[in-house]
Amino acid sequence: MADSIPTLTQFNLAEGDDGYLLEIGGSDGSVLRVAASAEQIDAIIEALDALLSDEDDAIDEPGDDAD
């Protein structure tokens, strides 16, 4: 069986001279630090927006009694 996946406990985004620094920490105490370009940050934002928009659409689908 695969090891369990740690839960997100930390997320930091800082702007630097050459782009951005992402720090992502897990419940197991590990921290991943990666450099990212502005284009990569835009891609992350777009992916999150699309995912969240899909979830909102699923909640508001026709047939709900909210009308």
PDB file of N, CA and C in Angstrom:
ATOM      1  N   MET A   1       0.853  -1.192   0.000  1.00  0.00           N
ATOM      2  CA  MET A   1       0.000   0.000   0.000  1.00  0.00           C
ATOM      3  C   MET A   1       0.890   1.243   0.000  1.00  0.00           C
ATOM      4  N   ALA A   2       0.469   2.270  -0.700  1.00  0.00           N
ATOM      5  CA  ALA A   2       1.237   3.517  -0.790  1.00  0.00           C
ATOM      6  C   ALA A   2       1.194   4.260   0.536  1.00  0.00           C
ATOM      7  N   ASP A   3       2.243   5.029   0.778  1.00  0.00           N
ATOM      8  CA  ASP A   3       2.280   5.862   1.982  1.00  0.00           C
ATOM      9  C   ASP A   3       1.149   6.873   1.928  1.00  0.00           C
ATOM     10  N   SER A   4       0.687   7.272   3.115  1.00  0.00           N
ATOM     11  CA  SER A   4      -0.372   8.277   3.134  1.00  0.00           C
ATOM     12  C   SER A   4       0.181   9.629   2.693  1.00  0.00           C
ATOM     13  N   ILE A   5      -0.666  10.429   2.128  1.00  0.00           N
ATOM     14  CA  ILE A   5      -0.284  11.742   1.625  1.00  0.00           C
ATOM     15  C   ILE A   5      -0.471  12.758   2.744  1.00  0.00           C
ATOM     16  N   PRO A   6       0.556  13.565   3.039  1.00  0.00           N
ATOM     17  CA  PRO A   6       0.419  14.582   4.091  1.00  0.00           C
ATOM     18  C   PRO A   6      -0.643  15.620   3.729  1.00  0.00           C
ATOM     19  N   THR A   7      -1.208  16.237   4.730  1.00  0.00           N
ATOM     20  CA  THR A   7      -2.176  17.310   4.561  1.00  0.00           C
ATOM     21  C   THR A   7      -1.432  18.635   4.430  1.00  0.00           C
ATOM     22  N   LEU A   8      -1.941  19.511   3.591  1.00  0.00           N
ATOM     23  CA  LEU A   8      -1.358  20.840   3.418  1.00  0.00           C
ATOM     24  C   LEU A   8      -1.472  21.614   4.728  1.00  0.00           C
ATOM     25  N   THR A   9      -0.353  22.112   5.231  1.00  0.00           N
ATOM     26  CA  THR A   9      -0.355  22.898   6.463  1.00  0.00           C
ATOM     27  C   THR A   9       0.233  24.287   6.264  1.00  0.00           C
ATOM     28  N   GLN A  10       0.907  24.490   5.142  1.00  0.00           N
ATOM     29  CA  GLN A  10       1.565  25.774   4.904  1.00  0.00           C
ATOM     30  C   GLN A  10       1.592  26.054   3.406  1.00  0.00           C
ATOM     31  N   PHE A  11       1.323  27.293   3.056  1.00  0.00           N
ATOM     32  CA  PHE A  11       1.452  27.728   1.669  1.00  0.00           C
ATOM     33  C   PHE A  11       1.898  29.176   1.683  1.00  0.00           C
ATOM     34  N   ASN A  12       3.059  29.441   1.123  1.00  0.00           N
ATOM     35  CA  ASN A  12       3.570  30.803   1.029  1.00  0.00           C
ATOM     36  C   ASN A  12       3.984  31.079  -0.404  1.00  0.00           C
ATOM     37  N   LEU A  13       3.730  32.295  -0.840  1.00  0.00           N
ATOM     38  CA  LEU A  13       4.121  32.743  -2.163  1.00  0.00           C
ATOM     39  C   LEU A  13       4.805  34.088  -1.991  1.00  0.00           C
ATOM     40  N   ALA A  14       6.047  34.181  -2.458  1.00  0.00           N
ATOM     41  CA  ALA A  14       6.799  35.425  -2.351  1.00  0.00           C
ATOM     42  C   ALA A  14       7.337  35.799  -3.721  1.00  0.00           C
ATOM     43  N   GLU A  15       7.350  37.100  -3.993  1.00  0.00           N
ATOM     44  CA  GLU A  15       7.882  37.591  -5.260  1.00  0.00           C
ATOM     45  C   GLU A  15       9.354  37.927  -5.085  1.00  0.00           C
ATOM     46  N   GLY A  16      10.149  37.482  -6.028  1.00  0.00           N
ATOM     47  CA  GLY A  16      11.573  37.774  -6.019  1.00  0.00           C
ATOM     48  C   GLY A  16      11.978  38.509  -7.269  1.00  0.00           C
ATOM     49  N   ASP A  17      13.266  38.760  -7.416  1.00  0.00           N
ATOM     50  CA  ASP A  17      13.767  39.480  -8.585  1.00  0.00           C
ATOM     51  C   ASP A  17      13.561  38.704  -9.881  1.00  0.00           C
ATOM     52  N   ASP A  18      13.646  37.385  -9.819  1.00  0.00           N
ATOM     53  CA  ASP A  18      13.578  36.551 -11.020  1.00  0.00           C
ATOM     54  C   ASP A  18      12.279  35.764 -11.141  1.00  0.00           C
ATOM     55  N   GLY A  19      11.279  36.107 -10.367  1.00  0.00           N
ATOM     56  CA  GLY A  19      10.027  35.362 -10.414  1.00  0.00           C
ATOM     57  C   GLY A  19       9.444  35.211  -9.025  1.00  0.00           C
ATOM     58  N   TYR A  20       8.986  34.020  -8.721  1.00  0.00           N
ATOM     59  CA  TYR A  20       8.289  33.762  -7.467  1.00  0.00           C
ATOM     60  C   TYR A  20       8.899  32.558  -6.759  1.00  0.00           C
ATOM     61  N   LEU A  21       8.733  32.514  -5.442  1.00  0.00           N
ATOM     62  CA  LEU A  21       9.143  31.379  -4.636  1.00  0.00           C
ATOM     63  C   LEU A  21       7.902  30.821  -3.967  1.00  0.00           C
ATOM     64  N   LEU A  22       7.623  29.551  -4.213  1.00  0.00           N
ATOM     65  CA  LEU A  22       6.513  28.854  -3.567  1.00  0.00           C
ATOM     66  C   LEU A  22       7.071  27.974  -2.458  1.00  0.00           C
ATOM     67  N   GLU A  23       6.447  28.029  -1.299  1.00  0.00           N
ATOM     68  CA  GLU A  23       6.770  27.126  -0.201  1.00  0.00           C
ATOM     69  C   GLU A  23       5.493  26.410   0.192  1.00  0.00           C
ATOM     70  N   ILE A  24       5.541  25.099   0.129  1.00  0.00           N
ATOM     71  CA  ILE A  24       4.375  24.276   0.429  1.00  0.00           C
ATOM     72  C   ILE A  24       4.785  23.275   1.508  1.00  0.00           C
ATOM     73  N   GLY A  25       4.100  23.317   2.640  1.00  0.00           N
ATOM     74  CA  GLY A  25       4.441  22.437   3.756  1.00  0.00           C
ATOM     75  C   GLY A  25       3.353  21.425   4.011  1.00  0.00           C
ATOM     76  N   GLY A  26       3.775  20.255   4.485  1.00  0.00           N
ATOM     77  CA  GLY A  26       2.844  19.181   4.785  1.00  0.00           C
ATOM     78  C   GLY A  26       2.799  18.852   6.263  1.00  0.00           C
ATOM     79  N   SER A  27       1.781  18.120   6.647  1.00  0.00           N
ATOM     80  CA  SER A  27       1.580  17.745   8.043  1.00  0.00           C
ATOM     81  C   SER A  27       2.689  16.860   8.582  1.00  0.00           C
ATOM     82  N   ASP A  28       3.499  16.289   7.697  1.00  0.00           N
ATOM     83  CA  ASP A  28       4.620  15.459   8.141  1.00  0.00           C
ATOM     84  C   ASP A  28       5.870  16.300   8.415  1.00  0.00           C
ATOM     85  N   GLY A  29       5.748  17.630   8.288  1.00  0.00           N
ATOM     86  CA  GLY A  29       6.874  18.521   8.554  1.00  0.00           C
ATOM     87  C   GLY A  29       7.720  18.834   7.338  1.00  0.00           C
ATOM     88  N   SER A  30       7.444  18.208   6.200  1.00  0.00           N
ATOM     89  CA  SER A  30       8.230  18.468   4.994  1.00  0.00           C
ATOM     90  C   SER A  30       7.828  19.805   4.389  1.00  0.00           C
ATOM     91  N   VAL A  31       8.809  20.469   3.771  1.00  0.00           N
ATOM     92  CA  VAL A  31       8.545  21.733   3.077  1.00  0.00           C
ATOM     93  C   VAL A  31       9.182  21.645   1.699  1.00  0.00           C
ATOM     94  N   LEU A  32       8.398  21.937   0.686  1.00  0.00           N
ATOM     95  CA  LEU A  32       8.878  21.967  -0.691  1.00  0.00           C
ATOM     96  C   LEU A  32       9.014  23.427  -1.095  1.00  0.00           C
ATOM     97  N   ARG A  33      10.194  23.811  -1.537  1.00  0.00           N
ATOM     98  CA  ARG A  33      10.438  25.172  -2.022  1.00  0.00           C
ATOM     99  C   ARG A  33      10.803  25.084  -3.493  1.00  0.00           C
ATOM    100  N   VAL A  34      10.052  25.822  -4.319  1.00  0.00           N
ATOM    101  CA  VAL A  34      10.327  25.823  -5.754  1.00  0.00           C
ATOM    102  C   VAL A  34      10.231  27.245  -6.297  1.00  0.00           C
ATOM    103  N   ALA A  35      11.068  27.516  -7.290  1.00  0.00           N
ATOM    104  CA  ALA A  35      10.993  28.782  -8.012  1.00  0.00           C
ATOM    105  C   ALA A  35       9.978  28.625  -9.128  1.00  0.00           C
ATOM    106  N   ALA A  36       9.232  29.688  -9.410  1.00  0.00           N
ATOM    107  CA  ALA A  36       8.219  29.645 -10.463  1.00  0.00           C
ATOM    108  C   ALA A  36       8.228  30.959 -11.223  1.00  0.00           C
ATOM    109  N   SER A  37       7.993  30.868 -12.521  1.00  0.00           N
ATOM    110  CA  SER A  37       7.901  32.067 -13.357  1.00  0.00           C
ATOM    111  C   SER A  37       6.493  32.651 -13.237  1.00  0.00           C
ATOM    112  N   ALA A  38       6.340  33.871 -13.715  1.00  0.00           N
ATOM    113  CA  ALA A  38       5.023  34.504 -13.730  1.00  0.00           C
ATOM    114  C   ALA A  38       4.037  33.666 -14.554  1.00  0.00           C
ATOM    115  N   GLU A  39       4.505  33.096 -15.652  1.00  0.00           N
ATOM    116  CA  GLU A  39       3.646  32.255 -16.494  1.00  0.00           C
ATOM    117  C   GLU A  39       3.187  31.011 -15.747  1.00  0.00           C
ATOM    118  N   GLN A  40       4.067  30.417 -14.946  1.00  0.00           N
ATOM    119  CA  GLN A  40       3.696  29.227 -14.178  1.00  0.00           C
ATOM    120  C   GLN A  40       2.673  29.575 -13.095  1.00  0.00           C
ATOM    121  N   ILE A  41       2.852  30.730 -12.450  1.00  0.00           N
ATOM    122  CA  ILE A  41       1.881  31.163 -11.440  1.00  0.00           C
ATOM    123  C   ILE A  41       0.528  31.408 -12.103  1.00  0.00           C
ATOM    124  N   ASP A  42       0.528  32.032 -13.275  1.00  0.00           N
ATOM    125  CA  ASP A  42      -0.724  32.242 -14.018  1.00  0.00           C
ATOM    126  C   ASP A  42      -1.400  30.913 -14.336  1.00  0.00           C
ATOM    127  N   ALA A  43      -0.623  29.906 -14.732  1.00  0.00           N
ATOM    128  CA  ALA A  43      -1.182  28.590 -15.055  1.00  0.00           C
ATOM    129  C   ALA A  43      -1.800  27.943 -13.813  1.00  0.00           C
ATOM    130  N   ILE A  44      -1.161  28.103 -12.669  1.00  0.00           N
ATOM    131  CA  ILE A  44      -1.693  27.567 -11.405  1.00  0.00           C
ATOM    132  C   ILE A  44      -3.015  28.253 -11.081  1.00  0.00           C
ATOM    133  N   ILE A  45      -3.041  29.578 -11.197  1.00  0.00           N
ATOM    134  CA  ILE A  45      -4.256  30.342 -10.907  1.00  0.00           C
ATOM    135  C   ILE A  45      -5.387  29.917 -11.841  1.00  0.00           C
ATOM    136  N   GLU A  46      -5.098  29.784 -13.130  1.00  0.00           N
ATOM    137  CA  GLU A  46      -6.117  29.377 -14.094  1.00  0.00           C
ATOM    138  C   GLU A  46      -6.641  27.974 -13.798  1.00  0.00           C
ATOM    139  N   ALA A  47      -5.753  27.064 -13.416  1.00  0.00           N
ATOM    140  CA  ALA A  47      -6.168  25.698 -13.105  1.00  0.00           C
ATOM    141  C   ALA A  47      -7.068  25.669 -11.868  1.00  0.00           C
ATOM    142  N   LEU A  48      -6.702  26.431 -10.848  1.00  0.00           N
ATOM    143  CA  LEU A  48      -7.532  26.492  -9.645  1.00  0.00           C
ATOM    144  C   LEU A  48      -8.886  27.127  -9.944  1.00  0.00           C
ATOM    145  N   ASP A  49      -8.877  28.185 -10.731  1.00  0.00           N
ATOM    146  CA  ASP A  49     -10.123  28.849 -11.100  1.00  0.00           C
ATOM    147  C   ASP A  49     -11.039  27.900 -11.865  1.00  0.00           C
ATOM    148  N   ALA A  50     -10.470  27.159 -12.804  1.00  0.00           N
ATOM    149  CA  ALA A  50     -11.268  26.206 -13.584  1.00  0.00           C
ATOM    150  C   ALA A  50     -11.837  25.116 -12.686  1.00  0.00           C
ATOM    151  N   LEU A  51     -11.033  24.614 -11.778  1.00  0.00           N
ATOM    152  CA  LEU A  51     -11.493  23.566 -10.865  1.00  0.00           C
ATOM    153  C   LEU A  51     -12.617  24.085  -9.976  1.00  0.00           C
ATOM    154  N   LEU A  52     -12.435  25.261  -9.413  1.00  0.00           N
ATOM    155  CA  LEU A  52     -13.459  25.824  -8.541  1.00  0.00           C
ATOM    156  C   LEU A  52     -14.715  26.194  -9.315  1.00  0.00           C
ATOM    157  N   SER A  53     -14.573  26.663 -10.541  1.00  0.00           N
ATOM    158  CA  SER A  53     -15.736  26.983 -11.379  1.00  0.00           C
ATOM    159  C   SER A  53     -16.529  25.727 -11.688  1.00  0.00           C
ATOM    160  N   ASP A  54     -15.842  24.619 -11.960  1.00  0.00           N
ATOM    161  CA  ASP A  54     -16.521  23.350 -12.218  1.00  0.00           C
ATOM    162  C   ASP A  54     -17.302  22.906 -10.992  1.00  0.00           C
ATOM    163  N   GLU A  55     -16.744  23.092  -9.800  1.00  0.00           N
ATOM    164  CA  GLU A  55     -17.441  22.707  -8.574  1.00  0.00           C
ATOM    165  C   GLU A  55     -18.676  23.573  -8.372  1.00  0.00           C
ATOM    166  N   ASP A  56     -18.555  24.884  -8.650  1.00  0.00           N
ATOM    167  CA  ASP A  56     -19.702  25.782  -8.533  1.00  0.00           C
ATOM    168  C   ASP A  56     -20.788  25.397  -9.516  1.00  0.00           C
ATOM    169  N   ASP A  57     -20.400  25.029 -10.745  1.00  0.00           N
ATOM    170  CA  ASP A  57     -21.368  24.619 -11.752  1.00  0.00           C
ATOM    171  C   ASP A  57     -22.109  23.361 -11.320  1.00  0.00           C
ATOM    172  N   ALA A  58     -21.405  22.435 -10.689  1.00  0.00           N
ATOM    173  CA  ALA A  58     -22.034  21.188 -10.241  1.00  0.00           C
ATOM    174  C   ALA A  58     -23.069  21.471  -9.151  1.00  0.00           C
ATOM    175  N   ILE A  59     -22.800  22.454  -8.316  1.00  0.00           N
ATOM    176  CA  ILE A  59     -23.746  22.807  -7.242  1.00  0.00           C
ATOM    177  C   ILE A  59     -24.980  23.472  -7.811  1.00  0.00           C
ATOM    178  N   ASP A  60     -24.813  24.280  -8.876  1.00  0.00           N
ATOM    179  CA  ASP A  60     -25.912  25.063  -9.441  1.00  0.00           C
ATOM    180  C   ASP A  60     -26.581  24.397 -10.638  1.00  0.00           C
ATOM    181  N   GLU A  61     -26.416  23.103 -10.824  1.00  0.00           N
ATOM    182  CA  GLU A  61     -26.981  22.424 -11.987  1.00  0.00           C
ATOM    183  C   GLU A  61     -28.500  22.464 -11.961  1.00  0.00           C
ATOM    184  N   PRO A  62     -29.097  22.467 -13.168  1.00  0.00           N
ATOM    185  CA  PRO A  62     -30.578  22.458 -13.256  1.00  0.00           C
ATOM    186  C   PRO A  62     -31.146  21.245 -12.518  1.00  0.00           C
ATOM    187  N   GLY A  63     -32.332  21.445 -11.991  1.00  0.00           N
ATOM    188  CA  GLY A  63     -32.965  20.367 -11.227  1.00  0.00           C
ATOM    189  C   GLY A  63     -32.884  20.600  -9.736  1.00  0.00           C
ATOM    190  N   ASP A  64     -32.030  21.569  -9.343  1.00  0.00           N
ATOM    191  CA  ASP A  64     -31.972  21.928  -7.927  1.00  0.00           C
ATOM    192  C   ASP A  64     -33.257  22.614  -7.538  1.00  0.00           C
ATOM    193  N   ASP A  65     -33.640  22.503  -6.297  1.00  0.00           N
ATOM    194  CA  ASP A  65     -34.862  23.117  -5.818  1.00  0.00           C
ATOM    195  C   ASP A  65     -34.636  24.576  -5.420  1.00  0.00           C
ATOM    196  N   ALA A  66     -33.490  25.150  -5.775  1.00  0.00           N
ATOM    197  CA  ALA A  66     -33.166  26.516  -5.384  1.00  0.00           C
ATOM    198  C   ALA A  66     -33.961  27.548  -6.173  1.00  0.00           C
ATOM    199  N   ASP A  67     -34.557  27.154  -7.278  1.00  0.00           N
ATOM    200  CA  ASP A  67     -35.284  28.120  -8.126  1.00  0.00           C
ATOM    201  C   ASP A  67     -36.565  28.557  -7.486  1.00  0.00           C
TER     202      ASP A  67
END
